[in-house]
Amino acid sequence: MRHVISFSLGFAVLLINIPLMGNSVCAAPRFQTGQNPQTVNSSPQVDKQLQKIKSELRKIGIGGTVTLFMKNSDEFHGTISQLDDDSLQLAEVDRRTTFTVKLADIRKIRQGLGYVNVFTGRRVTRSHSLRVFGLILATAAIALPVILVATARD
């Protein structure tokens, strides 16, 4: 019976650490030096998204830390050093350089820098739903053996 509980606890620890590893354990670097090949349409939906991005950037302000998710799946983590109507300058933390980014190329913004993955050394930001899913799996992995042990004693 002890080996069942030990196995269950080890499995629970593994399930807890999987969301911490992110999707960058075996992935190649996604940063590219080329321009974004996508063209931006002037549809109302794109304008609405651009206005939302501008308002979020104004809330964070110059000197605030931000994570930019680009339309070509790149991620930039850094501090906003200059904010214009159609672009911004970002002092990237990991590369220690300044980038000028067009606001039309940004897909999503998150305040903060994320965290550094211990195994790969890369900075990652994981979605909130992945954290919740990991917690639910860990709780189930811990609760199931306890329930089985409690019912087996009766």
N, C-alpha and C. Protein backbone atom coordinates (compact mmCIF):
# COMPACT_ATOMS: atom_id res chain seq x y z
N MET A 1 0.83 -1.19 0.00
CA MET A 1 0.00 0.00 0.00
C MET A 1 0.87 1.25 0.00
N ARG A 2 2.06 1.17 0.66
CA ARG A 2 2.94 2.34 0.71
C ARG A 2 3.45 2.71 -0.68
N HIS A 3 3.75 1.70 -1.50
CA HIS A 3 4.27 2.01 -2.83
C HIS A 3 3.21 2.68 -3.69
N VAL A 4 1.94 2.40 -3.47
CA VAL A 4 0.87 3.06 -4.22
C VAL A 4 0.82 4.54 -3.85
N ILE A 5 0.93 4.84 -2.56
CA ILE A 5 0.90 6.23 -2.12
C ILE A 5 2.15 6.96 -2.60
N SER A 6 3.31 6.31 -2.53
CA SER A 6 4.55 6.93 -2.99
C SER A 6 4.49 7.22 -4.48
N PHE A 7 3.97 6.26 -5.25
CA PHE A 7 3.83 6.48 -6.68
C PHE A 7 2.87 7.63 -6.96
N SER A 8 1.77 7.69 -6.23
CA SER A 8 0.79 8.75 -6.45
C SER A 8 1.36 10.12 -6.12
N LEU A 9 2.13 10.21 -5.05
CA LEU A 9 2.74 11.48 -4.70
C LEU A 9 3.80 11.89 -5.72
N GLY A 10 4.59 10.95 -6.21
CA GLY A 10 5.57 11.26 -7.24
C GLY A 10 4.91 11.70 -8.53
N PHE A 11 3.81 11.05 -8.87
CA PHE A 11 3.06 11.43 -10.07
C PHE A 11 2.46 12.82 -9.91
N ALA A 12 1.98 13.14 -8.72
CA ALA A 12 1.42 14.46 -8.47
C ALA A 12 2.49 15.54 -8.60
N VAL A 13 3.69 15.27 -8.10
CA VAL A 13 4.78 16.23 -8.22
C VAL A 13 5.13 16.44 -9.69
N LEU A 14 5.14 15.38 -10.48
CA LEU A 14 5.40 15.49 -11.90
C LEU A 14 4.33 16.34 -12.58
N LEU A 15 3.08 16.11 -12.26
CA LEU A 15 1.99 16.87 -12.87
C LEU A 15 2.04 18.34 -12.48
N ILE A 16 2.50 18.63 -11.29
CA ILE A 16 2.61 20.02 -10.87
C ILE A 16 3.71 20.71 -11.65
N ASN A 17 4.80 20.02 -11.96
CA ASN A 17 5.93 20.65 -12.64
C ASN A 17 5.76 20.77 -14.14
N ILE A 18 4.87 20.01 -14.74
CA ILE A 18 4.69 20.09 -16.20
C ILE A 18 4.26 21.50 -16.63
N PRO A 19 3.28 22.15 -15.99
CA PRO A 19 2.96 23.51 -16.42
C PRO A 19 4.10 24.50 -16.20
N LEU A 20 4.98 24.23 -15.26
CA LEU A 20 6.09 25.14 -15.02
C LEU A 20 7.14 25.08 -16.12
N MET A 21 7.22 23.94 -16.80
CA MET A 21 8.20 23.80 -17.86
C MET A 21 7.80 24.57 -19.10
N GLY A 22 6.52 24.82 -19.30
CA GLY A 22 6.08 25.56 -20.48
C GLY A 22 6.26 24.75 -21.74
N ASN A 23 6.13 25.42 -22.88
CA ASN A 23 6.26 24.73 -24.15
C ASN A 23 7.64 24.92 -24.75
N SER A 24 8.61 25.35 -23.95
CA SER A 24 9.92 25.66 -24.51
C SER A 24 10.98 24.64 -24.15
N VAL A 25 10.61 23.48 -23.67
CA VAL A 25 11.61 22.50 -23.25
C VAL A 25 12.38 21.97 -24.46
N CYS A 26 11.68 21.62 -25.52
CA CYS A 26 12.34 21.06 -26.69
C CYS A 26 12.17 21.95 -27.92
N ALA A 27 11.60 23.10 -27.74
CA ALA A 27 11.30 23.95 -28.89
C ALA A 27 12.54 24.74 -29.31
N ALA A 28 12.61 25.02 -30.59
CA ALA A 28 13.69 25.85 -31.12
C ALA A 28 13.35 27.31 -30.86
N PRO A 29 14.33 28.20 -30.87
CA PRO A 29 14.03 29.61 -30.68
C PRO A 29 13.10 30.12 -31.77
N ARG A 30 12.14 30.94 -31.35
CA ARG A 30 11.14 31.43 -32.29
C ARG A 30 11.45 32.83 -32.80
N PHE A 31 12.53 33.43 -32.36
CA PHE A 31 12.82 34.80 -32.74
C PHE A 31 13.45 34.83 -34.12
N GLN A 32 12.95 35.70 -34.97
CA GLN A 32 13.44 35.82 -36.31
C GLN A 32 13.83 37.26 -36.56
N THR A 33 14.75 37.46 -37.49
CA THR A 33 15.20 38.81 -37.77
C THR A 33 14.44 39.45 -38.91
N GLY A 34 13.66 38.68 -39.65
CA GLY A 34 12.94 39.21 -40.80
C GLY A 34 11.71 40.00 -40.41
N GLN A 35 11.13 40.65 -41.39
CA GLN A 35 9.91 41.42 -41.18
C GLN A 35 8.72 40.48 -41.12
N ASN A 36 7.65 40.96 -40.54
CA ASN A 36 6.42 40.20 -40.45
C ASN A 36 5.78 40.12 -41.84
N PRO A 37 5.57 38.93 -42.41
CA PRO A 37 5.03 38.83 -43.76
C PRO A 37 3.53 39.13 -43.84
N GLN A 38 2.87 39.22 -42.71
CA GLN A 38 1.44 39.45 -42.73
C GLN A 38 1.15 40.91 -43.05
N THR A 39 0.11 41.14 -43.82
CA THR A 39 -0.30 42.51 -44.09
C THR A 39 -1.50 42.83 -43.22
N VAL A 40 -1.62 44.08 -42.86
CA VAL A 40 -2.68 44.49 -41.96
C VAL A 40 -3.81 45.08 -42.78
N ASN A 41 -5.01 44.54 -42.57
CA ASN A 41 -6.19 45.06 -43.24
C ASN A 41 -6.76 46.22 -42.44
N SER A 42 -7.46 47.11 -43.12
CA SER A 42 -8.05 48.25 -42.44
C SER A 42 -9.50 47.98 -42.09
N SER A 43 -9.78 46.79 -41.59
CA SER A 43 -11.14 46.45 -41.22
C SER A 43 -11.45 47.02 -39.84
N PRO A 44 -12.73 47.16 -39.51
CA PRO A 44 -13.10 47.69 -38.18
C PRO A 44 -12.59 46.82 -37.03
N GLN A 45 -12.50 45.51 -37.24
CA GLN A 45 -12.03 44.63 -36.18
C GLN A 45 -10.55 44.89 -35.88
N VAL A 46 -9.75 45.11 -36.92
CA VAL A 46 -8.33 45.40 -36.73
C VAL A 46 -8.16 46.75 -36.04
N ASP A 47 -8.97 47.75 -36.44
CA ASP A 47 -8.90 49.06 -35.81
C ASP A 47 -9.29 48.98 -34.34
N LYS A 48 -10.29 48.17 -34.04
CA LYS A 48 -10.71 48.01 -32.65
C LYS A 48 -9.61 47.35 -31.82
N GLN A 49 -8.95 46.35 -32.38
CA GLN A 49 -7.86 45.68 -31.67
C GLN A 49 -6.68 46.63 -31.48
N LEU A 50 -6.39 47.45 -32.49
CA LEU A 50 -5.30 48.41 -32.38
C LEU A 50 -5.59 49.45 -31.31
N GLN A 51 -6.82 49.89 -31.22
CA GLN A 51 -7.20 50.85 -30.17
C GLN A 51 -7.09 50.22 -28.79
N LYS A 52 -7.45 48.95 -28.68
CA LYS A 52 -7.33 48.26 -27.40
C LYS A 52 -5.86 48.15 -26.98
N ILE A 53 -4.99 47.83 -27.93
CA ILE A 53 -3.56 47.73 -27.64
C ILE A 53 -3.01 49.09 -27.22
N LYS A 54 -3.41 50.15 -27.92
CA LYS A 54 -2.94 51.49 -27.55
C LYS A 54 -3.39 51.88 -26.15
N SER A 55 -4.63 51.58 -25.82
CA SER A 55 -5.12 51.95 -24.48
C SER A 55 -4.41 51.16 -23.39
N GLU A 56 -4.13 49.86 -23.63
CA GLU A 56 -3.39 49.06 -22.65
C GLU A 56 -1.98 49.60 -22.46
N LEU A 57 -1.34 50.01 -23.56
CA LEU A 57 0.00 50.56 -23.46
C LEU A 57 0.01 51.88 -22.70
N ARG A 58 -1.02 52.70 -22.90
CA ARG A 58 -1.10 53.97 -22.17
C ARG A 58 -1.30 53.72 -20.68
N LYS A 59 -2.08 52.68 -20.34
CA LYS A 59 -2.27 52.33 -18.92
C LYS A 59 -0.95 51.91 -18.28
N ILE A 60 -0.19 51.10 -18.98
CA ILE A 60 1.10 50.63 -18.45
C ILE A 60 2.09 51.79 -18.40
N GLY A 61 2.14 52.59 -19.46
CA GLY A 61 2.96 53.79 -19.48
C GLY A 61 4.43 53.54 -19.76
N ILE A 62 5.12 54.65 -19.99
CA ILE A 62 6.56 54.59 -20.24
C ILE A 62 7.27 54.19 -18.96
N GLY A 63 8.18 53.25 -19.06
CA GLY A 63 8.90 52.75 -17.89
C GLY A 63 8.26 51.50 -17.30
N GLY A 64 7.10 51.12 -17.80
CA GLY A 64 6.43 49.91 -17.32
C GLY A 64 6.95 48.67 -18.00
N THR A 65 6.90 47.56 -17.28
CA THR A 65 7.35 46.29 -17.86
C THR A 65 6.18 45.63 -18.57
N VAL A 66 6.48 45.00 -19.70
CA VAL A 66 5.43 44.45 -20.54
C VAL A 66 5.96 43.23 -21.30
N THR A 67 5.04 42.33 -21.62
CA THR A 67 5.33 41.21 -22.52
C THR A 67 4.48 41.41 -23.76
N LEU A 68 5.12 41.46 -24.92
CA LEU A 68 4.43 41.65 -26.19
C LEU A 68 4.36 40.32 -26.92
N PHE A 69 3.17 39.91 -27.31
CA PHE A 69 2.96 38.73 -28.12
C PHE A 69 2.71 39.22 -29.54
N MET A 70 3.62 38.90 -30.45
CA MET A 70 3.55 39.39 -31.81
C MET A 70 2.69 38.47 -32.67
N LYS A 71 2.25 39.01 -33.81
CA LYS A 71 1.42 38.22 -34.72
C LYS A 71 2.19 37.08 -35.37
N ASN A 72 3.51 37.19 -35.45
CA ASN A 72 4.32 36.11 -36.02
C ASN A 72 4.84 35.15 -34.95
N SER A 73 4.19 35.13 -33.78
CA SER A 73 4.42 34.25 -32.64
C SER A 73 5.72 34.53 -31.88
N ASP A 74 6.36 35.66 -32.10
CA ASP A 74 7.49 36.06 -31.27
C ASP A 74 6.98 36.64 -29.96
N GLU A 75 7.81 36.63 -28.94
CA GLU A 75 7.50 37.25 -27.66
C GLU A 75 8.65 38.18 -27.29
N PHE A 76 8.32 39.38 -26.85
CA PHE A 76 9.32 40.32 -26.37
C PHE A 76 8.98 40.69 -24.94
N HIS A 77 9.97 40.66 -24.07
CA HIS A 77 9.81 40.99 -22.66
C HIS A 77 10.72 42.17 -22.37
N GLY A 78 10.15 43.28 -21.88
CA GLY A 78 11.01 44.42 -21.60
C GLY A 78 10.28 45.60 -21.03
N THR A 79 10.95 46.74 -21.09
CA THR A 79 10.45 47.99 -20.55
C THR A 79 10.16 48.95 -21.69
N ILE A 80 9.02 49.62 -21.62
CA ILE A 80 8.65 50.59 -22.65
C ILE A 80 9.49 51.84 -22.44
N SER A 81 10.27 52.22 -23.48
CA SER A 81 11.10 53.40 -23.35
C SER A 81 10.54 54.59 -24.14
N GLN A 82 9.73 54.33 -25.16
CA GLN A 82 9.11 55.41 -25.93
C GLN A 82 7.82 54.88 -26.52
N LEU A 83 6.79 55.72 -26.51
CA LEU A 83 5.47 55.31 -27.01
C LEU A 83 4.97 56.35 -27.99
N ASP A 84 4.80 55.96 -29.25
CA ASP A 84 4.29 56.84 -30.30
C ASP A 84 2.89 56.38 -30.70
N ASP A 85 2.30 57.05 -31.71
CA ASP A 85 0.96 56.70 -32.16
C ASP A 85 0.92 55.36 -32.89
N ASP A 86 1.98 55.04 -33.63
CA ASP A 86 1.96 53.80 -34.41
C ASP A 86 3.09 52.83 -34.06
N SER A 87 3.95 53.17 -33.11
CA SER A 87 5.04 52.29 -32.73
C SER A 87 5.46 52.54 -31.29
N LEU A 88 6.33 51.67 -30.79
CA LEU A 88 6.90 51.85 -29.46
C LEU A 88 8.32 51.33 -29.47
N GLN A 89 9.11 51.84 -28.54
CA GLN A 89 10.46 51.33 -28.36
C GLN A 89 10.47 50.51 -27.08
N LEU A 90 11.02 49.32 -27.18
CA LEU A 90 11.05 48.40 -26.06
C LEU A 90 12.50 48.03 -25.75
N ALA A 91 12.90 48.24 -24.51
CA ALA A 91 14.22 47.80 -24.05
C ALA A 91 14.07 46.34 -23.62
N GLU A 92 14.47 45.43 -24.49
CA GLU A 92 14.27 44.00 -24.26
C GLU A 92 15.21 43.53 -23.15
N VAL A 93 14.67 42.79 -22.20
CA VAL A 93 15.41 42.39 -21.01
C VAL A 93 16.43 41.30 -21.32
N ASP A 94 16.03 40.27 -22.01
CA ASP A 94 16.89 39.12 -22.22
C ASP A 94 18.00 39.38 -23.23
N ARG A 95 17.73 40.15 -24.26
CA ARG A 95 18.72 40.42 -25.30
C ARG A 95 19.55 41.67 -25.04
N ARG A 96 19.11 42.46 -24.07
CA ARG A 96 19.81 43.69 -23.69
C ARG A 96 20.00 44.63 -24.87
N THR A 97 18.92 44.84 -25.62
CA THR A 97 18.92 45.76 -26.74
C THR A 97 17.56 46.43 -26.85
N THR A 98 17.48 47.47 -27.66
CA THR A 98 16.23 48.22 -27.83
C THR A 98 15.64 47.89 -29.20
N PHE A 99 14.34 47.60 -29.22
CA PHE A 99 13.62 47.30 -30.46
C PHE A 99 12.56 48.36 -30.69
N THR A 100 12.33 48.69 -31.95
CA THR A 100 11.18 49.51 -32.33
C THR A 100 10.15 48.57 -32.92
N VAL A 101 8.96 48.56 -32.32
CA VAL A 101 7.91 47.62 -32.71
C VAL A 101 6.70 48.40 -33.19
N LYS A 102 6.17 48.01 -34.34
CA LYS A 102 4.93 48.63 -34.84
C LYS A 102 3.75 48.08 -34.05
N LEU A 103 2.83 48.95 -33.68
CA LEU A 103 1.67 48.51 -32.91
C LEU A 103 0.78 47.57 -33.72
N ALA A 104 0.79 47.70 -35.03
CA ALA A 104 -0.04 46.84 -35.89
C ALA A 104 0.47 45.39 -35.89
N ASP A 105 1.73 45.17 -35.50
CA ASP A 105 2.30 43.82 -35.47
C ASP A 105 2.06 43.10 -34.15
N ILE A 106 1.48 43.79 -33.17
CA ILE A 106 1.26 43.20 -31.84
C ILE A 106 -0.09 42.50 -31.82
N ARG A 107 -0.08 41.26 -31.33
CA ARG A 107 -1.32 40.49 -31.20
C ARG A 107 -1.94 40.68 -29.83
N LYS A 108 -1.09 40.65 -28.77
CA LYS A 108 -1.60 40.71 -27.40
C LYS A 108 -0.53 41.30 -26.50
N ILE A 109 -0.98 41.93 -25.41
CA ILE A 109 -0.07 42.54 -24.44
C ILE A 109 -0.41 42.00 -23.07
N ARG A 110 0.65 41.72 -22.29
CA ARG A 110 0.45 41.33 -20.89
C ARG A 110 1.43 42.15 -20.06
N GLN A 111 0.94 42.71 -18.97
CA GLN A 111 1.81 43.50 -18.11
C GLN A 111 2.73 42.56 -17.32
N GLY A 112 3.99 42.94 -17.18
CA GLY A 112 4.96 42.12 -16.47
C GLY A 112 5.88 41.39 -17.44
N LEU A 113 6.89 40.75 -16.88
CA LEU A 113 7.91 40.10 -17.70
C LEU A 113 7.79 38.59 -17.77
N GLY A 114 6.90 37.99 -17.02
CA GLY A 114 6.84 36.53 -16.97
C GLY A 114 7.89 36.02 -16.01
N TYR A 115 8.37 34.82 -16.22
CA TYR A 115 9.40 34.25 -15.35
C TYR A 115 10.39 33.48 -16.20
N VAL A 116 11.54 33.17 -15.64
CA VAL A 116 12.58 32.44 -16.35
C VAL A 116 12.43 30.96 -16.04
N ASN A 117 12.36 30.14 -17.07
CA ASN A 117 12.28 28.70 -16.92
C ASN A 117 13.62 28.18 -16.41
N VAL A 118 13.60 27.43 -15.33
CA VAL A 118 14.81 26.95 -14.69
C VAL A 118 15.57 25.97 -15.59
N PHE A 119 14.86 25.17 -16.35
CA PHE A 119 15.48 24.13 -17.16
C PHE A 119 16.10 24.66 -18.45
N THR A 120 15.43 25.62 -19.10
CA THR A 120 15.91 26.10 -20.40
C THR A 120 16.58 27.46 -20.32
N GLY A 121 16.32 28.23 -19.29
CA GLY A 121 16.88 29.57 -19.18
C GLY A 121 16.13 30.61 -19.98
N ARG A 122 15.08 30.21 -20.67
CA ARG A 122 14.29 31.15 -21.48
C ARG A 122 13.16 31.72 -20.64
N ARG A 123 12.79 32.93 -20.95
CA ARG A 123 11.67 33.58 -20.28
C ARG A 123 10.38 33.14 -20.94
N VAL A 124 9.43 32.67 -20.15
CA VAL A 124 8.17 32.19 -20.69
C VAL A 124 7.01 32.79 -19.92
N THR A 125 5.91 32.92 -20.58
CA THR A 125 4.66 33.31 -19.94
C THR A 125 3.64 32.26 -20.33
N ARG A 126 3.03 31.67 -19.37
CA ARG A 126 2.05 30.63 -19.67
C ARG A 126 0.65 31.19 -19.42
N SER A 127 -0.30 30.62 -20.07
CA SER A 127 -1.67 31.09 -19.94
C SER A 127 -2.26 30.70 -18.59
N HIS A 128 -3.27 31.42 -18.19
CA HIS A 128 -3.90 31.16 -16.90
C HIS A 128 -4.65 29.82 -16.92
N SER A 129 -5.21 29.47 -18.06
CA SER A 129 -5.95 28.22 -18.14
C SER A 129 -5.03 27.02 -17.96
N LEU A 130 -3.79 27.11 -18.39
CA LEU A 130 -2.84 26.02 -18.20
C LEU A 130 -2.52 25.84 -16.72
N ARG A 131 -2.40 26.92 -15.98
CA ARG A 131 -2.15 26.82 -14.55
C ARG A 131 -3.32 26.14 -13.84
N VAL A 132 -4.54 26.55 -14.19
CA VAL A 132 -5.72 25.98 -13.56
C VAL A 132 -5.82 24.49 -13.89
N PHE A 133 -5.55 24.12 -15.13
CA PHE A 133 -5.59 22.72 -15.53
C PHE A 133 -4.56 21.90 -14.75
N GLY A 134 -3.36 22.43 -14.56
CA GLY A 134 -2.33 21.74 -13.79
C GLY A 134 -2.73 21.57 -12.34
N LEU A 135 -3.34 22.58 -11.75
CA LEU A 135 -3.78 22.47 -10.35
C LEU A 135 -4.90 21.43 -10.19
N ILE A 136 -5.81 21.38 -11.15
CA ILE A 136 -6.90 20.40 -11.09
C ILE A 136 -6.33 18.99 -11.20
N LEU A 137 -5.39 18.78 -12.13
CA LEU A 137 -4.78 17.45 -12.27
C LEU A 137 -4.00 17.05 -11.02
N ALA A 138 -3.28 17.98 -10.44
CA ALA A 138 -2.51 17.68 -9.23
C ALA A 138 -3.44 17.34 -8.07
N THR A 139 -4.52 18.09 -7.93
CA THR A 139 -5.48 17.81 -6.87
C THR A 139 -6.11 16.44 -7.05
N ALA A 140 -6.46 16.11 -8.29
CA ALA A 140 -7.05 14.80 -8.55
C ALA A 140 -6.05 13.67 -8.28
N ALA A 141 -4.78 13.90 -8.64
CA ALA A 141 -3.77 12.87 -8.43
C ALA A 141 -3.50 12.64 -6.94
N ILE A 142 -3.64 13.66 -6.15
CA ILE A 142 -3.43 13.52 -4.71
C ILE A 142 -4.68 12.96 -4.03
N ALA A 143 -5.85 13.43 -4.45
CA ALA A 143 -7.09 13.04 -3.80
C ALA A 143 -7.49 11.59 -4.10
N LEU A 144 -7.23 11.13 -5.29
CA LEU A 144 -7.64 9.78 -5.68
C LEU A 144 -7.03 8.69 -4.79
N PRO A 145 -5.73 8.68 -4.55
CA PRO A 145 -5.18 7.64 -3.66
C PRO A 145 -5.70 7.76 -2.23
N VAL A 146 -5.90 8.97 -1.77
CA VAL A 146 -6.44 9.14 -0.41
C VAL A 146 -7.83 8.54 -0.31
N ILE A 147 -8.65 8.77 -1.31
CA ILE A 147 -10.01 8.22 -1.32
C ILE A 147 -9.97 6.69 -1.40
N LEU A 148 -9.06 6.16 -2.23
CA LEU A 148 -8.95 4.70 -2.37
C LEU A 148 -8.49 4.06 -1.06
N VAL A 149 -7.55 4.67 -0.37
CA VAL A 149 -7.06 4.14 0.90
C VAL A 149 -8.18 4.20 1.95
N ALA A 150 -8.94 5.30 1.96
CA ALA A 150 -10.01 5.45 2.94
C ALA A 150 -11.13 4.43 2.70
N THR A 151 -11.46 4.16 1.46
CA THR A 151 -12.51 3.19 1.17
C THR A 151 -12.01 1.75 1.36
N ALA A 152 -10.72 1.49 1.19
CA ALA A 152 -10.18 0.14 1.35
C ALA A 152 -10.16 -0.28 2.83
N ARG A 153 -10.06 0.65 3.72
CA ARG A 153 -10.03 0.32 5.14
C ARG A 153 -11.39 -0.08 5.68
N ASP A 154 -12.43 0.34 5.01
CA ASP A 154 -13.80 0.02 5.49
C ASP A 154 -14.20 -1.37 5.23
